[in-house]
Protein backbone atom coordinates (compact mmCIF):
# COMPACT_ATOMS: atom_id res chain seq x y z
CA MET A 1 23.93 10.41 -5.38
CA SER A 2 26.07 11.09 -2.34
CA ASP A 3 27.97 8.47 -0.37
CA ASP A 4 25.84 9.31 2.61
CA GLN A 5 22.61 8.66 0.77
CA ILE A 6 23.75 5.23 -0.42
CA ARG A 7 24.58 4.26 3.14
CA MET A 8 21.26 5.43 4.62
CA CYS A 9 17.86 3.73 4.44
CA PRO A 10 15.03 5.58 2.70
CA ASP A 11 11.44 5.39 3.85
CA TYR A 12 10.05 4.53 0.36
CA LEU A 13 11.94 2.73 -2.37
CA VAL A 14 10.52 2.43 -5.91
CA ILE A 15 12.28 0.27 -8.54
CA GLY A 16 11.63 0.45 -12.26
CA HIS A 17 12.61 2.32 -15.42
CA VAL A 18 12.28 5.95 -15.90
CA ALA A 19 10.50 6.49 -19.27
CA LYS A 20 11.43 8.91 -21.93
CA ASP A 21 7.92 9.84 -23.22
CA VAL A 22 7.92 11.36 -26.70
CA LEU A 23 5.38 14.23 -26.81
CA PRO A 24 2.74 14.26 -29.60
CA GLY A 25 4.13 15.25 -32.91
CA GLY A 26 7.61 14.54 -31.72
CA LYS A 27 7.70 17.96 -30.00
CA GLY A 28 10.20 17.06 -27.38
CA VAL A 29 10.23 14.48 -24.58
CA THR A 30 9.24 14.34 -20.87
CA ALA A 31 10.02 12.07 -17.98
CA GLY A 32 7.50 9.44 -17.27
CA GLY A 33 7.11 5.97 -15.74
CA THR A 34 6.09 4.87 -12.27
CA VAL A 35 9.37 5.84 -10.76
CA THR A 36 8.78 9.45 -11.69
CA TYR A 37 5.24 9.85 -10.38
CA SER A 38 5.58 7.55 -7.37
CA ALA A 39 8.82 8.96 -6.03
CA LEU A 40 7.59 12.59 -6.32
CA ALA A 41 4.33 11.63 -4.64
CA ALA A 42 6.08 9.94 -1.79
CA GLN A 43 8.46 12.82 -1.30
CA ARG A 44 5.69 15.33 -1.27
CA LEU A 45 3.76 13.23 1.23
CA GLY A 46 6.59 13.65 3.69
CA VAL A 47 8.61 10.42 3.42
CA GLN A 48 12.17 10.08 2.04
CA ALA A 49 11.87 8.50 -1.37
CA ALA A 50 14.51 6.69 -3.30
CA VAL A 51 14.68 5.34 -6.82
CA VAL A 52 16.60 2.53 -8.50
CA THR A 53 16.36 2.93 -12.25
CA SER A 54 18.32 2.68 -15.47
CA CYS A 55 18.73 4.95 -18.47
CA ALA A 56 21.33 6.09 -21.01
CA PRO A 57 23.81 8.70 -19.67
CA GLU A 58 22.58 11.30 -22.10
CA ASP A 59 19.05 10.94 -20.64
CA GLU A 60 20.06 11.54 -16.98
CA VAL A 61 18.30 14.86 -17.44
CA LEU A 62 15.05 12.98 -17.05
CA LEU A 63 16.03 12.32 -13.38
CA VAL A 64 16.76 16.00 -12.57
CA PRO A 65 13.26 16.77 -11.26
CA LEU A 66 13.51 13.88 -8.78
CA ARG A 67 16.87 14.96 -7.47
CA GLU A 68 15.74 18.52 -7.21
CA ALA A 69 12.71 17.36 -5.13
CA GLY A 70 15.08 15.62 -2.67
CA VAL A 71 14.58 12.00 -3.98
CA TRP A 72 17.65 9.85 -3.78
CA VAL A 73 18.40 8.40 -7.15
CA HIS A 74 20.58 5.45 -8.07
CA SER A 75 20.71 5.19 -11.90
CA VAL A 76 22.43 2.24 -13.52
CA PRO A 77 23.97 3.22 -16.91
CA SER A 78 22.42 1.61 -19.95
CA PRO A 79 23.04 1.85 -23.73
CA THR A 80 19.44 2.95 -24.21
CA THR A 81 16.48 4.48 -22.30
CA THR A 82 13.04 2.99 -22.19
CA THR A 83 11.13 5.21 -24.65
CA PHE A 84 7.39 5.37 -25.41
CA SER A 85 5.41 7.21 -28.04
CA ASN A 86 1.64 7.38 -28.44
CA THR A 87 -0.36 8.06 -31.55
CA TYR A 88 -4.19 7.95 -31.96
CA ASP A 89 -6.27 6.89 -34.91
CA ALA A 90 -9.49 8.57 -36.07
CA SER A 91 -11.58 6.60 -33.61
CA GLY A 92 -9.37 7.65 -30.71
CA HIS A 93 -7.71 4.23 -30.33
CA ARG A 94 -4.17 4.59 -29.00
CA LEU A 95 -1.19 2.90 -30.60
CA GLN A 96 1.74 2.81 -28.18
CA VAL A 97 5.21 2.08 -29.49
CA ILE A 98 8.29 1.33 -27.44
CA GLY A 99 11.34 2.77 -29.14
CA GLY A 100 14.01 1.54 -26.75
CA GLN A 101 14.44 -0.48 -23.56
CA ALA A 102 16.99 0.20 -20.79
CA ARG A 103 18.85 -2.75 -19.16
CA GLN A 104 16.91 -5.03 -16.83
CA LEU A 105 17.33 -4.31 -13.10
CA SER A 106 18.21 -6.90 -10.42
CA ILE A 107 18.60 -7.09 -6.69
CA GLU A 108 22.36 -6.42 -7.23
CA ASP A 109 21.44 -2.94 -8.48
CA VAL A 110 19.74 -2.04 -5.21
CA PRO A 111 22.11 -0.44 -2.64
CA GLU A 112 22.31 -2.82 0.34
CA ALA A 113 21.03 -0.25 2.89
CA TRP A 114 18.09 0.59 0.60
CA GLN A 115 16.92 -3.05 0.73
CA SER A 116 15.72 -2.42 4.26
CA ALA A 117 13.35 0.38 3.28
CA PRO A 118 10.00 -0.06 5.21
CA ILE A 119 8.07 0.27 1.89
CA VAL A 120 9.42 -1.19 -1.35
CA HIS A 121 7.44 -0.46 -4.54
CA LEU A 122 7.91 -2.57 -7.63
CA GLY A 123 6.82 -0.40 -10.53
CA PRO A 124 7.78 -1.98 -13.86
CA ILE A 125 6.79 -0.38 -17.13
CA ALA A 126 8.43 -2.65 -19.68
CA GLN A 127 9.28 -6.13 -18.29
CA GLU A 128 12.43 -4.66 -16.63
CA LEU A 129 12.07 -6.47 -13.23
CA PRO A 130 12.89 -10.15 -13.05
CA PRO A 131 10.36 -12.65 -11.70
CA ASP A 132 12.43 -13.51 -8.65
CA LEU A 133 12.92 -9.95 -7.45
CA ALA A 134 9.94 -9.90 -5.14
CA ARG A 135 11.11 -13.05 -3.35
CA GLN A 136 14.69 -11.65 -2.95
CA LEU A 137 13.47 -8.56 -1.02
CA LEU A 138 13.24 -8.79 2.78
CA PRO A 139 9.84 -10.40 3.49
CA ARG A 140 9.02 -8.21 6.54
CA ARG A 141 8.82 -5.11 4.37
CA LEU A 142 5.63 -3.79 2.96
CA LEU A 143 5.91 -4.73 -0.73
CA GLY A 144 3.78 -2.54 -3.04
CA VAL A 145 3.31 -3.91 -6.53
CA THR A 146 1.79 -2.05 -9.60
CA PRO A 147 2.09 -4.74 -12.23
CA GLN A 148 1.17 -3.02 -15.45
CA GLY A 149 4.71 -3.27 -16.89
CA TRP A 150 4.65 -7.07 -16.59
CA MET A 151 1.45 -7.14 -18.66
CA ARG A 152 3.05 -5.30 -21.64
CA SER A 153 4.60 -6.93 -24.64
CA TRP A 154 5.62 -5.70 -28.04
CA ASP A 155 6.36 -6.88 -31.55
CA ALA A 156 9.45 -6.36 -33.70
CA GLU A 157 8.20 -2.93 -34.68
CA GLY A 158 7.78 -1.95 -31.03
CA ARG A 159 4.02 -1.93 -31.13
CA VAL A 160 2.84 -2.46 -27.64
CA THR A 161 0.04 -4.76 -26.54
CA HIS A 162 -1.41 -5.21 -23.06
CA SER A 163 -2.81 -8.42 -21.71
CA ALA A 164 -3.71 -9.79 -18.26
CA VAL A 165 -3.79 -13.33 -19.64
CA PRO A 166 -1.93 -15.36 -18.72
CA VAL A 167 -1.23 -13.98 -15.24
CA PRO A 168 2.45 -12.90 -15.19
CA PRO A 169 4.54 -15.55 -13.38
CA VAL A 170 5.95 -12.96 -11.01
CA LEU A 171 2.49 -12.44 -9.59
CA MET A 172 1.91 -16.12 -8.84
CA GLU A 173 4.19 -16.30 -5.81
CA LEU A 174 4.06 -12.88 -4.14
CA PRO A 175 5.19 -12.55 -0.50
CA LYS A 176 2.48 -12.27 2.24
CA SER A 177 3.62 -8.67 2.78
CA THR A 178 2.33 -7.68 -0.69
CA VAL A 179 -0.24 -4.97 -1.44
CA LEU A 180 -1.35 -5.26 -5.14
CA VAL A 181 -2.80 -2.22 -6.94
CA LEU A 182 -4.15 -2.31 -10.43
CA SER A 183 -7.00 -0.88 -12.48
CA ILE A 184 -10.04 -2.54 -13.89
CA GLU A 185 -8.79 -1.46 -17.32
CA ASP A 186 -5.69 -3.54 -16.72
CA LEU A 187 -8.07 -6.56 -16.39
CA ASP A 188 -9.92 -5.66 -19.59
CA TYR A 189 -13.11 -4.97 -17.46
CA SER A 190 -13.47 -8.67 -17.05
CA PRO A 191 -15.22 -10.04 -13.95
CA GLU A 192 -13.55 -13.44 -14.46
CA LEU A 193 -10.02 -11.86 -14.51
CA LEU A 194 -10.91 -9.75 -11.52
CA ARG A 195 -11.75 -12.92 -9.53
CA SER A 196 -8.41 -14.40 -10.52
CA TYR A 197 -6.30 -11.39 -9.62
CA VAL A 198 -7.82 -10.66 -6.26
CA ASN A 199 -6.54 -14.04 -5.10
CA LEU A 200 -2.90 -13.18 -5.82
CA ALA A 201 -2.25 -11.24 -2.67
CA PRO A 202 -3.73 -10.74 0.79
CA LEU A 203 -4.44 -7.07 0.03
CA VAL A 204 -5.59 -6.02 -3.42
CA VAL A 205 -7.10 -2.73 -4.59
CA VAL A 206 -8.64 -2.38 -8.06
CA THR A 207 -9.30 1.17 -9.18
CA ARG A 208 -12.20 1.91 -11.50
CA GLY A 209 -11.82 5.47 -12.68
CA VAL A 210 -14.60 7.71 -11.27
CA GLU A 211 -16.34 4.60 -9.85
CA PRO A 212 -15.49 3.28 -6.28
CA ALA A 213 -12.33 1.28 -6.05
CA TYR A 214 -12.71 -2.34 -5.02
CA VAL A 215 -10.80 -3.19 -1.82
CA TYR A 216 -9.97 -6.79 -0.90
CA ASP A 217 -8.61 -7.54 2.53
CA HIS A 218 -7.90 -11.22 2.87
CA GLY A 219 -10.93 -11.91 0.71
CA ALA A 220 -13.28 -9.50 2.40
CA HIS A 221 -14.68 -6.96 -0.09
CA ALA A 222 -15.33 -3.23 0.47
CA GLU A 223 -15.48 -0.13 -1.70
CA ALA A 224 -13.82 3.25 -1.49
CA PRO A 225 -15.55 6.02 -3.48
CA ALA A 226 -13.52 8.12 -5.92
CA LEU A 227 -13.40 11.90 -5.39
CA ARG A 228 -14.58 14.46 -7.83
CA ALA A 229 -11.82 16.23 -9.81
CA ASN A 230 -11.36 18.81 -12.52
CA VAL A 231 -9.36 16.55 -14.90
CA VAL A 232 -6.51 18.03 -16.80
CA ASP A 233 -4.16 15.14 -17.25
CA LEU A 234 -4.74 11.49 -16.17
CA THR A 235 -1.08 10.48 -16.68
CA GLY A 236 0.37 9.05 -13.54
CA ALA A 237 -2.90 8.95 -11.65
CA GLY A 238 -2.58 5.27 -10.87
CA ASP A 239 0.96 5.59 -9.68
CA VAL A 240 0.10 8.47 -7.36
CA PHE A 241 -2.94 6.51 -6.03
CA ALA A 242 -0.82 3.47 -5.35
CA THR A 243 1.98 5.38 -3.64
CA ALA A 244 -0.42 7.23 -1.33
CA LEU A 245 -2.17 3.99 -0.54
CA PHE A 246 1.07 2.11 0.32
CA ILE A 247 2.20 4.94 2.65
CA ARG A 248 -1.09 5.41 4.35
CA TYR A 249 -1.62 1.66 4.80
CA ALA A 250 1.86 1.38 6.41
CA GLU A 251 0.76 4.13 8.83
CA THR A 252 -2.73 2.81 9.69
CA LYS A 253 -2.85 -0.88 8.77
CA ASP A 254 -6.36 -0.11 7.47
CA ILE A 255 -6.59 -0.70 3.67
CA THR A 256 -9.94 0.88 3.17
CA LYS A 257 -8.89 4.08 4.97
CA ALA A 258 -5.71 4.00 2.95
CA ALA A 259 -7.77 3.84 -0.27
CA HIS A 260 -9.76 6.93 0.71
CA PHE A 261 -6.54 8.85 1.23
CA ALA A 262 -5.17 7.56 -2.09
CA HIS A 263 -8.28 8.73 -3.92
CA ALA A 264 -7.72 12.23 -2.55
CA ALA A 265 -4.06 12.30 -3.65
CA ALA A 266 -4.96 11.07 -7.12
CA ALA A 267 -7.82 13.51 -7.52
CA ARG A 268 -5.55 16.46 -6.87
CA ALA A 269 -2.79 15.10 -9.04
CA ILE A 270 -4.85 14.93 -12.20
CA GLU A 271 -5.95 18.59 -11.92
CA GLY A 272 -2.64 19.68 -13.39
CA GLN A 273 -0.30 18.77 -16.31
CA GLY A 274 2.21 16.07 -15.58
CA THR A 275 3.55 16.13 -12.04
CA SER A 276 2.70 19.78 -11.35
CA CYS A 277 -0.26 19.04 -8.98
CA ILE A 278 1.08 16.07 -7.04
CA ALA A 279 0.14 17.23 -3.55
CA ASP A 280 1.72 17.37 -0.12
CA ARG A 281 0.06 15.74 2.77
CA GLY A 282 -1.77 18.82 4.10
CA THR A 283 -3.36 19.35 0.70
CA VAL A 284 -4.48 15.73 0.45
CA GLU A 285 -5.99 15.83 3.93
CA ARG A 286 -7.84 19.02 3.12
CA ARG A 287 -9.17 17.43 -0.01
CA MET A 288 -10.45 14.53 2.08
CA ARG A 289 -12.24 16.87 4.48
CA ARG A 290 -13.80 18.81 1.63
CA GLU A 291 -15.49 15.60 0.32
CA THR A 292 -16.88 14.50 3.69
């Protein structure tokens, strides 16, 4: 990262660990995590993205695609990199194992100029962001939160479990500038949990796969239909959706319109492997027009 970049303010800042995702059968690794998908989505939508993350020096190669795309990257050295592997049993049930965890991030790791970014996205994947980070960020900024990483825990063997109960403490005192995005799967498809989570922030969007997303604006409920897609790879769809929604909401101050835009961005992103089909703004807008 250049000295000029660290002194300038990005348009979109995402904070969280880059993931080293082990491919099936141990056939190599690929870059994953919210920072990867969200930063690329923001950059391709025409805003200057920046990332604060942490990984081992030997895994800096995971960040090369971000830098090549023009994303500003501040990586804090760590003895290890957050690493995930997935296996599936005969019934298709996934067993996720975390094989390493990079150091936790704090407000001190965020360059001072970057803390003034108009949009700050907290995208934890493995409990790497402290509970007080949201409160330490400037309250007038749009704070986007994708909380899945605060819902993960793991045992001594690294076997990952996911639970929305109890509500992570970090979500109990979110600033009024927060837009919270999560999936109905994160909530175990539970109506009771849904009712609890939609009260955590003034603006909450709950995606439901191919079904319409639920949009809550200060308690008022609306729906935003999903768009049809030729699905190739669902990885990162939620991160692309959230990023597009945060950006479009910042532009329009209309959360339902932002959700329509986000659906179009996500629909295009899942039509290719990995990050290959994350779209630019023109492509997203054409996709929206095609569906109307």
